[in-house]
Amino acid sequence: MIRRLIVNWVYGGFLAGLLFLVLAPLFVHGWPPALAATFFCLPAYMLHQYEEHDNDRFRALVNRTLAGGREVLTLPTVFLINVPGVWGVIVLSLWLAARVDPGFALIAVYLPLVNALIHLAHAVVTRSYNPGLVSAMVLFLPVCAWCLRVIQQSGHGTLVFHAIGLASALTVHLVIIAHVFRNRRKLA
């Protein structure tokens, strides 16, 4: 059963993302605007992950381009990166924003924003499509711009919280990159 979850998580995430969007008006009714806006980072990421990981496309691209087809990125690692590593970080950010300070919502905002910029940079450098590029541009950029504006307007977008959000997002992505390159060295 766990193996099936590891292999098929993206399809459940896609459906959950759609469900969150439909239920969002009920969920976020009465929430502070910064928290309500930031909630949309979670379903946006879930929908993005479908384009990125359907049919194992992203993992195959990484393994093919960075390791000549050797497995430097495994299915369990992809699961851990995306379920606790993305969904969990966004949920933690929302909890911190609700219970401690709304500025912590910037963690949830910078995670997809940094991801979108990485997808875009990869497309520019390679002059080709990469799995997740379209949804990163169509979903992440407008959602993140909206969230940044709402958080700034709320007065909670301080330099410290922007630094925390950006540092958190960069750390998550750098850990993934380090893992892939460490595995590549091991297999060389």
N, C-alpha and C. Protein backbone atom coordinates (compact mmCIF):
# COMPACT_ATOMS: atom_id res chain seq x y z
N MET A 1 0.82 -1.19 0.00
CA MET A 1 0.00 0.00 0.00
C MET A 1 0.87 1.26 0.00
N ILE A 2 1.91 1.29 0.80
CA ILE A 2 2.78 2.47 0.86
C ILE A 2 3.44 2.71 -0.49
N ARG A 3 3.85 1.64 -1.14
CA ARG A 3 4.47 1.76 -2.46
C ARG A 3 3.51 2.43 -3.45
N ARG A 4 2.23 2.07 -3.40
CA ARG A 4 1.25 2.69 -4.30
C ARG A 4 1.09 4.18 -3.99
N LEU A 5 1.14 4.55 -2.70
CA LEU A 5 1.08 5.98 -2.35
C LEU A 5 2.30 6.72 -2.89
N ILE A 6 3.46 6.11 -2.76
CA ILE A 6 4.69 6.73 -3.24
C ILE A 6 4.66 6.92 -4.75
N VAL A 7 4.10 5.95 -5.45
CA VAL A 7 4.05 6.01 -6.92
C VAL A 7 2.92 6.93 -7.41
N ASN A 8 1.80 6.98 -6.70
CA ASN A 8 0.61 7.66 -7.21
C ASN A 8 0.19 8.91 -6.45
N TRP A 9 1.03 9.42 -5.56
CA TRP A 9 0.66 10.58 -4.73
C TRP A 9 0.18 11.76 -5.57
N VAL A 10 0.77 11.95 -6.75
CA VAL A 10 0.47 13.14 -7.54
C VAL A 10 -0.99 13.18 -7.98
N TYR A 11 -1.60 12.03 -8.20
CA TYR A 11 -2.99 12.00 -8.67
C TYR A 11 -3.95 12.36 -7.53
N GLY A 12 -3.67 11.87 -6.34
CA GLY A 12 -4.46 12.28 -5.18
C GLY A 12 -4.28 13.76 -4.88
N GLY A 13 -3.05 14.24 -5.05
CA GLY A 13 -2.78 15.66 -4.83
C GLY A 13 -3.52 16.55 -5.82
N PHE A 14 -3.56 16.12 -7.06
CA PHE A 14 -4.29 16.89 -8.08
C PHE A 14 -5.77 16.99 -7.71
N LEU A 15 -6.36 15.85 -7.35
CA LEU A 15 -7.78 15.86 -6.97
C LEU A 15 -8.02 16.66 -5.70
N ALA A 16 -7.11 16.54 -4.73
CA ALA A 16 -7.24 17.33 -3.50
C ALA A 16 -7.11 18.82 -3.81
N GLY A 17 -6.21 19.17 -4.73
CA GLY A 17 -6.06 20.58 -5.11
C GLY A 17 -7.35 21.14 -5.69
N LEU A 18 -7.99 20.37 -6.56
CA LEU A 18 -9.28 20.81 -7.11
C LEU A 18 -10.33 20.95 -6.01
N LEU A 19 -10.35 19.98 -5.11
CA LEU A 19 -11.30 20.02 -4.00
C LEU A 19 -11.06 21.24 -3.11
N PHE A 20 -9.79 21.53 -2.79
CA PHE A 20 -9.46 22.72 -1.99
C PHE A 20 -9.94 24.00 -2.67
N LEU A 21 -9.80 24.07 -3.99
CA LEU A 21 -10.25 25.27 -4.71
C LEU A 21 -11.75 25.43 -4.62
N VAL A 22 -12.48 24.32 -4.77
CA VAL A 22 -13.94 24.39 -4.70
C VAL A 22 -14.40 24.76 -3.28
N LEU A 23 -13.71 24.23 -2.29
CA LEU A 23 -14.09 24.49 -0.89
C LEU A 23 -13.46 25.76 -0.31
N ALA A 24 -12.55 26.37 -1.03
CA ALA A 24 -11.83 27.54 -0.51
C ALA A 24 -12.74 28.64 0.03
N PRO A 25 -13.82 28.99 -0.65
CA PRO A 25 -14.67 30.05 -0.09
C PRO A 25 -15.21 29.70 1.31
N LEU A 26 -15.45 28.43 1.56
CA LEU A 26 -15.90 28.01 2.89
C LEU A 26 -14.75 28.00 3.88
N PHE A 27 -13.60 27.52 3.44
CA PHE A 27 -12.44 27.42 4.32
C PHE A 27 -11.95 28.79 4.78
N VAL A 28 -11.79 29.71 3.84
CA VAL A 28 -11.10 30.96 4.15
C VAL A 28 -12.04 32.09 4.55
N HIS A 29 -13.33 31.83 4.55
CA HIS A 29 -14.29 32.86 4.95
C HIS A 29 -13.98 33.33 6.38
N GLY A 30 -13.77 34.60 6.52
CA GLY A 30 -13.49 35.16 7.83
C GLY A 30 -12.01 35.16 8.20
N TRP A 31 -11.17 34.58 7.39
CA TRP A 31 -9.72 34.60 7.66
C TRP A 31 -9.18 35.99 7.34
N PRO A 32 -8.08 36.37 7.98
CA PRO A 32 -7.41 37.62 7.58
C PRO A 32 -7.01 37.51 6.10
N PRO A 33 -7.07 38.60 5.36
CA PRO A 33 -6.79 38.54 3.92
C PRO A 33 -5.43 37.92 3.57
N ALA A 34 -4.39 38.20 4.33
CA ALA A 34 -3.06 37.64 4.02
C ALA A 34 -3.08 36.12 4.14
N LEU A 35 -3.73 35.61 5.14
CA LEU A 35 -3.81 34.16 5.34
C LEU A 35 -4.70 33.52 4.28
N ALA A 36 -5.82 34.17 3.97
CA ALA A 36 -6.74 33.64 2.96
C ALA A 36 -6.06 33.57 1.60
N ALA A 37 -5.34 34.61 1.22
CA ALA A 37 -4.65 34.60 -0.08
C ALA A 37 -3.61 33.50 -0.12
N THR A 38 -2.86 33.37 0.95
CA THR A 38 -1.77 32.41 0.99
C THR A 38 -2.27 30.97 0.95
N PHE A 39 -3.46 30.72 1.43
CA PHE A 39 -4.04 29.38 1.36
C PHE A 39 -3.98 28.84 -0.07
N PHE A 40 -4.15 29.72 -1.06
CA PHE A 40 -4.21 29.29 -2.46
C PHE A 40 -2.87 28.76 -2.98
N CYS A 41 -1.79 28.99 -2.24
CA CYS A 41 -0.50 28.42 -2.64
C CYS A 41 -0.55 26.89 -2.61
N LEU A 42 -1.29 26.32 -1.67
CA LEU A 42 -1.36 24.86 -1.56
C LEU A 42 -2.07 24.22 -2.76
N PRO A 43 -3.30 24.59 -3.08
CA PRO A 43 -3.91 23.96 -4.26
C PRO A 43 -3.18 24.32 -5.55
N ALA A 44 -2.61 25.51 -5.65
CA ALA A 44 -1.84 25.86 -6.85
C ALA A 44 -0.66 24.91 -7.00
N TYR A 45 0.02 24.63 -5.88
CA TYR A 45 1.16 23.72 -5.95
C TYR A 45 0.70 22.31 -6.31
N MET A 46 -0.41 21.87 -5.77
CA MET A 46 -0.92 20.53 -6.06
C MET A 46 -1.27 20.38 -7.54
N LEU A 47 -1.86 21.40 -8.13
CA LEU A 47 -2.18 21.36 -9.55
C LEU A 47 -0.90 21.39 -10.39
N HIS A 48 0.05 22.21 -9.98
CA HIS A 48 1.35 22.28 -10.65
C HIS A 48 2.05 20.92 -10.63
N GLN A 49 1.99 20.24 -9.51
CA GLN A 49 2.68 18.95 -9.38
C GLN A 49 2.12 17.92 -10.35
N TYR A 50 0.86 18.05 -10.72
CA TYR A 50 0.31 17.12 -11.70
C TYR A 50 1.02 17.28 -13.04
N GLU A 51 1.14 18.51 -13.50
CA GLU A 51 1.86 18.73 -14.77
C GLU A 51 3.32 18.26 -14.64
N GLU A 52 3.90 18.51 -13.51
CA GLU A 52 5.32 18.21 -13.31
C GLU A 52 5.61 16.72 -13.17
N HIS A 53 4.77 16.01 -12.43
CA HIS A 53 5.08 14.63 -12.06
C HIS A 53 4.20 13.56 -12.68
N ASP A 54 3.17 13.93 -13.44
CA ASP A 54 2.36 12.93 -14.12
C ASP A 54 3.26 12.05 -14.98
N ASN A 55 3.04 10.77 -14.93
CA ASN A 55 3.81 9.81 -15.71
C ASN A 55 5.31 9.88 -15.38
N ASP A 56 5.63 10.35 -14.17
CA ASP A 56 7.01 10.39 -13.67
C ASP A 56 7.92 11.26 -14.54
N ARG A 57 7.35 12.30 -15.15
CA ARG A 57 8.10 13.10 -16.13
C ARG A 57 9.26 13.89 -15.54
N PHE A 58 9.06 14.50 -14.38
CA PHE A 58 10.13 15.32 -13.82
C PHE A 58 11.32 14.46 -13.39
N ARG A 59 11.03 13.38 -12.69
CA ARG A 59 12.09 12.48 -12.23
C ARG A 59 12.86 11.91 -13.42
N ALA A 60 12.15 11.54 -14.46
CA ALA A 60 12.80 11.01 -15.66
C ALA A 60 13.71 12.07 -16.29
N LEU A 61 13.25 13.31 -16.34
CA LEU A 61 14.05 14.40 -16.90
C LEU A 61 15.33 14.61 -16.09
N VAL A 62 15.20 14.66 -14.78
CA VAL A 62 16.37 14.85 -13.91
C VAL A 62 17.35 13.70 -14.09
N ASN A 63 16.85 12.49 -14.03
CA ASN A 63 17.74 11.32 -14.16
C ASN A 63 18.41 11.27 -15.53
N ARG A 64 17.68 11.64 -16.56
CA ARG A 64 18.23 11.61 -17.92
C ARG A 64 19.26 12.72 -18.13
N THR A 65 18.93 13.94 -17.72
CA THR A 65 19.80 15.07 -18.04
C THR A 65 20.96 15.24 -17.07
N LEU A 66 20.76 14.88 -15.82
CA LEU A 66 21.83 15.09 -14.84
C LEU A 66 22.63 13.84 -14.52
N ALA A 67 22.15 12.68 -14.94
CA ALA A 67 22.85 11.45 -14.58
C ALA A 67 22.90 10.43 -15.70
N GLY A 68 22.64 10.86 -16.92
CA GLY A 68 22.72 9.94 -18.05
C GLY A 68 21.80 8.74 -17.94
N GLY A 69 20.65 8.93 -17.27
CA GLY A 69 19.69 7.85 -17.13
C GLY A 69 19.81 7.06 -15.84
N ARG A 70 20.89 7.29 -15.10
CA ARG A 70 21.02 6.61 -13.79
C ARG A 70 20.06 7.26 -12.80
N GLU A 71 19.68 6.51 -11.80
CA GLU A 71 18.66 6.98 -10.86
C GLU A 71 19.27 7.78 -9.70
N VAL A 72 19.37 9.10 -9.90
CA VAL A 72 19.82 9.98 -8.83
C VAL A 72 18.65 10.55 -8.05
N LEU A 73 17.48 10.47 -8.64
CA LEU A 73 16.25 10.90 -7.99
C LEU A 73 15.30 9.72 -8.01
N THR A 74 14.97 9.20 -6.83
CA THR A 74 14.14 8.00 -6.72
C THR A 74 12.69 8.37 -6.47
N LEU A 75 11.80 7.40 -6.67
CA LEU A 75 10.38 7.63 -6.38
C LEU A 75 10.14 7.99 -4.91
N PRO A 76 10.73 7.27 -3.94
CA PRO A 76 10.50 7.67 -2.55
C PRO A 76 11.00 9.09 -2.25
N THR A 77 12.11 9.48 -2.87
CA THR A 77 12.62 10.84 -2.65
C THR A 77 11.67 11.87 -3.21
N VAL A 78 11.13 11.63 -4.40
CA VAL A 78 10.16 12.55 -5.00
C VAL A 78 8.94 12.69 -4.10
N PHE A 79 8.49 11.58 -3.55
CA PHE A 79 7.35 11.60 -2.62
C PHE A 79 7.68 12.47 -1.40
N LEU A 80 8.84 12.24 -0.80
CA LEU A 80 9.24 13.00 0.40
C LEU A 80 9.41 14.49 0.10
N ILE A 81 9.97 14.79 -1.04
CA ILE A 81 10.14 16.20 -1.43
C ILE A 81 8.79 16.88 -1.54
N ASN A 82 7.84 16.23 -2.18
CA ASN A 82 6.58 16.88 -2.53
C ASN A 82 5.49 16.81 -1.48
N VAL A 83 5.40 15.72 -0.77
CA VAL A 83 4.31 15.62 0.21
C VAL A 83 4.71 16.31 1.52
N PRO A 84 5.65 15.77 2.29
CA PRO A 84 6.02 16.54 3.48
C PRO A 84 6.83 17.80 3.15
N GLY A 85 7.66 17.73 2.11
CA GLY A 85 8.55 18.84 1.80
C GLY A 85 7.89 20.05 1.18
N VAL A 86 6.83 19.87 0.43
CA VAL A 86 6.11 21.00 -0.15
C VAL A 86 4.79 21.21 0.60
N TRP A 87 3.93 20.20 0.59
CA TRP A 87 2.64 20.36 1.27
C TRP A 87 2.86 20.65 2.75
N GLY A 88 3.77 19.90 3.37
CA GLY A 88 4.02 20.10 4.80
C GLY A 88 4.56 21.48 5.11
N VAL A 89 5.47 21.98 4.29
CA VAL A 89 6.03 23.32 4.52
C VAL A 89 4.94 24.38 4.36
N ILE A 90 4.10 24.24 3.35
CA ILE A 90 3.02 25.21 3.16
C ILE A 90 2.04 25.16 4.32
N VAL A 91 1.69 23.97 4.76
CA VAL A 91 0.77 23.84 5.90
C VAL A 91 1.39 24.44 7.16
N LEU A 92 2.66 24.15 7.40
CA LEU A 92 3.36 24.73 8.56
C LEU A 92 3.37 26.25 8.47
N SER A 93 3.63 26.77 7.29
CA SER A 93 3.63 28.21 7.09
C SER A 93 2.26 28.82 7.42
N LEU A 94 1.20 28.16 6.97
CA LEU A 94 -0.15 28.66 7.27
C LEU A 94 -0.45 28.62 8.76
N TRP A 95 -0.03 27.53 9.42
CA TRP A 95 -0.23 27.44 10.87
C TRP A 95 0.54 28.55 11.60
N LEU A 96 1.79 28.75 11.23
CA LEU A 96 2.58 29.82 11.86
C LEU A 96 1.97 31.19 11.58
N ALA A 97 1.48 31.38 10.35
CA ALA A 97 0.85 32.65 10.00
C ALA A 97 -0.43 32.88 10.80
N ALA A 98 -1.17 31.82 11.05
CA ALA A 98 -2.43 31.95 11.80
C ALA A 98 -2.20 32.10 13.29
N ARG A 99 -1.20 31.41 13.82
CA ARG A 99 -1.02 31.36 15.28
C ARG A 99 0.08 32.25 15.84
N VAL A 100 1.07 32.60 14.99
CA VAL A 100 2.20 33.38 15.50
C VAL A 100 2.24 34.77 14.89
N ASP A 101 2.41 34.83 13.57
CA ASP A 101 2.44 36.13 12.87
C ASP A 101 2.13 35.90 11.39
N PRO A 102 1.25 36.71 10.82
CA PRO A 102 0.91 36.54 9.40
C PRO A 102 2.11 36.64 8.45
N GLY A 103 3.19 37.24 8.89
CA GLY A 103 4.39 37.33 8.07
C GLY A 103 4.96 35.97 7.69
N PHE A 104 4.70 34.95 8.53
CA PHE A 104 5.18 33.60 8.22
C PHE A 104 4.52 33.02 6.96
N ALA A 105 3.43 33.63 6.51
CA ALA A 105 2.80 33.19 5.26
C ALA A 105 3.76 33.33 4.08
N LEU A 106 4.75 34.18 4.21
CA LEU A 106 5.70 34.38 3.11
C LEU A 106 6.51 33.13 2.81
N ILE A 107 6.62 32.22 3.76
CA ILE A 107 7.28 30.94 3.47
C ILE A 107 6.48 30.20 2.39
N ALA A 108 5.17 30.16 2.55
CA ALA A 108 4.30 29.48 1.58
C ALA A 108 4.30 30.20 0.24
N VAL A 109 4.56 31.48 0.23
CA VAL A 109 4.56 32.25 -1.01
C VAL A 109 5.87 32.08 -1.77
N TYR A 110 6.98 32.15 -1.05
CA TYR A 110 8.27 32.05 -1.72
C TYR A 110 8.57 30.64 -2.24
N LEU A 111 8.00 29.61 -1.63
CA LEU A 111 8.25 28.25 -2.10
C LEU A 111 7.81 28.08 -3.57
N PRO A 112 6.58 28.40 -3.95
CA PRO A 112 6.22 28.29 -5.37
C PRO A 112 6.88 29.35 -6.23
N LEU A 113 7.15 30.53 -5.68
CA LEU A 113 7.78 31.58 -6.48
C LEU A 113 9.19 31.17 -6.90
N VAL A 114 9.97 30.65 -5.96
CA VAL A 114 11.31 30.18 -6.29
C VAL A 114 11.23 29.03 -7.28
N ASN A 115 10.27 28.12 -7.08
CA ASN A 115 10.10 27.01 -8.00
C ASN A 115 9.80 27.50 -9.40
N ALA A 116 8.94 28.49 -9.51
CA ALA A 116 8.59 29.04 -10.83
C ALA A 116 9.82 29.65 -11.50
N LEU A 117 10.63 30.35 -10.74
CA LEU A 117 11.83 30.97 -11.31
C LEU A 117 12.83 29.92 -11.76
N ILE A 118 12.91 28.81 -11.04
CA ILE A 118 13.80 27.71 -11.45
C ILE A 118 13.29 27.08 -12.75
N HIS A 119 12.00 26.85 -12.84
CA HIS A 119 11.42 26.31 -14.09
C HIS A 119 11.71 27.26 -15.26
N LEU A 120 11.51 28.54 -15.03
CA LEU A 120 11.73 29.52 -16.09
C LEU A 120 13.21 29.58 -16.49
N ALA A 121 14.10 29.60 -15.51
CA ALA A 121 15.54 29.65 -15.81
C ALA A 121 15.96 28.41 -16.60
N HIS A 122 15.45 27.25 -16.21
CA HIS A 122 15.78 26.02 -16.93
C HIS A 122 15.30 26.10 -18.38
N ALA A 123 14.11 26.61 -18.58
CA ALA A 123 13.56 26.72 -19.93
C ALA A 123 14.38 27.69 -20.78
N VAL A 124 14.82 28.78 -20.18
CA VAL A 124 15.62 29.76 -20.92
C VAL A 124 16.98 29.16 -21.28
N VAL A 125 17.63 28.52 -20.31
CA VAL A 125 18.96 27.95 -20.54
C VAL A 125 18.91 26.83 -21.59
N THR A 126 17.93 25.94 -21.46
CA THR A 126 17.86 24.79 -22.38
C THR A 126 17.06 25.09 -23.65
N ARG A 127 16.36 26.22 -23.64
CA ARG A 127 15.48 26.58 -24.75
C ARG A 127 14.48 25.47 -25.05
N SER A 128 13.95 24.90 -23.95
CA SER A 128 12.98 23.83 -24.12
C SER A 128 12.03 23.79 -22.92
N TYR A 129 10.95 23.11 -23.15
CA TYR A 129 9.95 22.90 -22.11
C TYR A 129 10.51 21.96 -21.04
N ASN A 130 10.11 22.18 -19.80
CA ASN A 130 10.39 21.23 -18.73
C ASN A 130 9.09 20.96 -17.99
N PRO A 131 8.92 19.74 -17.47
CA PRO A 131 7.66 19.40 -16.80
C PRO A 131 7.37 20.33 -15.62
N GLY A 132 6.25 21.01 -15.70
CA GLY A 132 5.84 21.96 -14.66
C GLY A 132 5.96 23.41 -15.08
N LEU A 133 6.59 23.67 -16.21
CA LEU A 133 6.83 25.04 -16.65
C LEU A 133 5.54 25.83 -16.85
N VAL A 134 4.59 25.26 -17.55
CA VAL A 134 3.36 26.00 -17.88
C VAL A 134 2.58 26.35 -16.62
N SER A 135 2.37 25.38 -15.76
CA SER A 135 1.60 25.67 -14.53
C SER A 135 2.36 26.59 -13.59
N ALA A 136 3.68 26.53 -13.60
CA ALA A 136 4.47 27.46 -12.78
C ALA A 136 4.24 28.89 -13.24
N MET A 137 4.19 29.08 -14.55
CA MET A 137 3.98 30.43 -15.08
C MET A 137 2.53 30.88 -14.92
N VAL A 138 1.59 29.97 -15.21
CA VAL A 138 0.17 30.33 -15.21
C VAL A 138 -0.42 30.38 -13.80
N LEU A 139 0.04 29.51 -12.91
CA LEU A 139 -0.51 29.47 -11.55
C LEU A 139 0.37 30.22 -10.55
N PHE A 140 1.65 29.84 -10.48
CA PHE A 140 2.50 30.37 -9.43
C PHE A 140 2.72 31.87 -9.52
N LEU A 141 3.05 32.37 -10.69
CA LEU A 141 3.38 33.80 -10.79
C LEU A 141 2.21 34.69 -10.38
N PRO A 142 0.99 34.47 -10.92
CA PRO A 142 -0.10 35.35 -10.47
C PRO A 142 -0.50 35.12 -9.01
N VAL A 143 -0.55 33.88 -8.56
CA VAL A 143 -0.94 33.62 -7.17
C VAL A 143 0.08 34.24 -6.21
N CYS A 144 1.35 34.05 -6.50
CA CYS A 144 2.40 34.60 -5.63
C CYS A 144 2.41 36.13 -5.65
N ALA A 145 2.21 36.73 -6.82
CA ALA A 145 2.15 38.19 -6.90
C ALA A 145 0.98 38.72 -6.07
N TRP A 146 -0.16 38.05 -6.17
CA TRP A 146 -1.34 38.45 -5.38
C TRP A 146 -1.05 38.31 -3.89
N CYS A 147 -0.47 37.19 -3.49
CA CYS A 147 -0.16 36.97 -2.08
C CYS A 147 0.82 38.01 -1.56
N LEU A 148 1.86 38.28 -2.32
CA LEU A 148 2.84 39.29 -1.89
C LEU A 148 2.18 40.64 -1.69
N ARG A 149 1.30 41.01 -2.61
CA ARG A 149 0.60 42.30 -2.50
C ARG A 149 -0.28 42.34 -1.26
N VAL A 150 -1.04 41.28 -1.04
CA VAL A 150 -1.96 41.24 0.11
C VAL A 150 -1.18 41.24 1.43
N ILE A 151 -0.10 40.49 1.49
CA ILE A 151 0.70 40.45 2.72
C ILE A 151 1.35 41.81 2.97
N GLN A 152 1.84 42.45 1.92
CA GLN A 152 2.42 43.79 2.08
C GLN A 152 1.36 44.76 2.57
N GLN A 153 0.18 44.71 1.98
CA GLN A 153 -0.90 45.61 2.38
C GLN A 153 -1.34 45.38 3.82
N SER A 154 -1.16 44.14 4.30
CA SER A 154 -1.55 43.83 5.68
C SER A 154 -0.56 44.39 6.69
N GLY A 155 0.61 44.81 6.21
CA GLY A 155 1.63 45.33 7.11
C GLY A 155 2.55 44.28 7.69
N HIS A 156 2.38 43.02 7.27
CA HIS A 156 3.18 41.93 7.83
C HIS A 156 4.32 41.49 6.91
N GLY A 157 4.46 42.16 5.78
CA GLY A 157 5.53 41.80 4.86
C GLY A 157 6.81 42.54 5.17
N THR A 158 7.31 42.35 6.37
CA THR A 158 8.55 43.03 6.77
C THR A 158 9.75 42.39 6.09
N LEU A 159 10.85 43.09 6.11
CA LEU A 159 12.08 42.58 5.52
C LEU A 159 12.49 41.26 6.16
N VAL A 160 12.31 41.15 7.47
CA VAL A 160 12.66 39.92 8.19
C VAL A 160 11.83 38.75 7.68
N PHE A 161 10.52 38.95 7.52
CA PHE A 161 9.67 37.85 7.05
C PHE A 161 9.92 37.51 5.59
N HIS A 162 10.25 38.52 4.78
CA HIS A 162 10.64 38.22 3.40
C HIS A 162 11.92 37.38 3.39
N ALA A 163 12.85 37.74 4.24
CA ALA A 163 14.12 36.97 4.33
C ALA A 163 13.86 35.55 4.79
N ILE A 164 13.00 35.38 5.78
CA ILE A 164 12.66 34.04 6.27
C ILE A 164 11.99 33.22 5.16
N GLY A 165 11.04 33.83 4.47
CA GLY A 165 10.34 33.14 3.38
C GLY A 165 11.28 32.74 2.26
N LEU A 166 12.10 33.68 1.82
CA LEU A 166 13.03 33.39 0.73
C LEU A 166 14.08 32.37 1.15
N ALA A 167 14.62 32.52 2.36
CA ALA A 167 15.63 31.57 2.85
C ALA A 167 15.04 30.16 2.97
N SER A 168 13.81 30.07 3.43
CA SER A 168 13.16 28.76 3.55
C SER A 168 12.99 28.11 2.19
N ALA A 169 12.51 28.86 1.22
CA ALA A 169 12.30 28.33 -0.13
C ALA A 169 13.62 27.93 -0.78
N LEU A 170 14.63 28.78 -0.64
CA LEU A 170 15.94 28.44 -1.21
C LEU A 170 16.53 27.21 -0.54
N THR A 171 16.35 27.09 0.77
CA THR A 171 16.87 25.93 1.49
C THR A 171 16.23 24.65 0.98
N VAL A 172 14.92 24.63 0.84
CA VAL A 172 14.22 23.44 0.34
C VAL A 172 14.77 23.06 -1.03
N HIS A 173 14.90 24.02 -1.92
CA HIS A 173 15.36 23.72 -3.27
C HIS A 173 16.84 23.33 -3.29
N LEU A 174 17.66 23.97 -2.47
CA LEU A 174 19.08 23.62 -2.42
C LEU A 174 19.31 22.23 -1.84
N VAL A 175 18.50 21.83 -0.88
CA VAL A 175 18.61 20.47 -0.32
C VAL A 175 18.32 19.44 -1.41
N ILE A 176 17.32 19.71 -2.23
CA ILE A 176 16.97 18.80 -3.33
C ILE A 176 18.14 18.71 -4.31
N ILE A 177 18.67 19.86 -4.70
CA ILE A 177 19.79 19.89 -5.65
C ILE A 177 21.00 19.17 -5.07
N ALA A 178 21.31 19.43 -3.81
CA ALA A 178 22.45 18.76 -3.16
C ALA A 178 22.26 17.26 -3.13
N HIS A 179 21.04 16.81 -2.85
CA HIS A 179 20.75 15.38 -2.82
C HIS A 179 21.01 14.74 -4.19
N VAL A 180 20.52 15.38 -5.24
CA VAL A 180 20.70 14.85 -6.59
C VAL A 180 22.19 14.77 -6.95
N PHE A 181 22.93 15.84 -6.67
CA PHE A 181 24.35 15.84 -7.04
C PHE A 181 25.18 14.89 -6.16
N ARG A 182 24.78 14.73 -4.91
CA ARG A 182 25.45 13.75 -4.05
C ARG A 182 25.24 12.33 -4.60
N ASN A 183 24.01 12.03 -4.99
CA ASN A 183 23.73 10.72 -5.59
C ASN A 183 24.46 10.55 -6.90
N ARG A 184 24.57 11.60 -7.68
CA ARG A 184 25.29 11.51 -8.94
C ARG A 184 26.78 11.18 -8.71
N ARG A 185 27.37 11.82 -7.69
CA ARG A 185 28.76 11.50 -7.34
C ARG A 185 28.92 10.05 -6.91
N LYS A 186 27.96 9.56 -6.11
CA LYS A 186 28.00 8.17 -5.65
C LYS A 186 27.95 7.19 -6.82
N LEU A 187 27.15 7.52 -7.84
CA LEU A 187 26.98 6.61 -8.97
C LEU A 187 28.09 6.74 -10.02
N ALA A 188 28.89 7.79 -9.91
CA ALA A 188 29.95 8.01 -10.91
C ALA A 188 31.09 7.03 -10.74
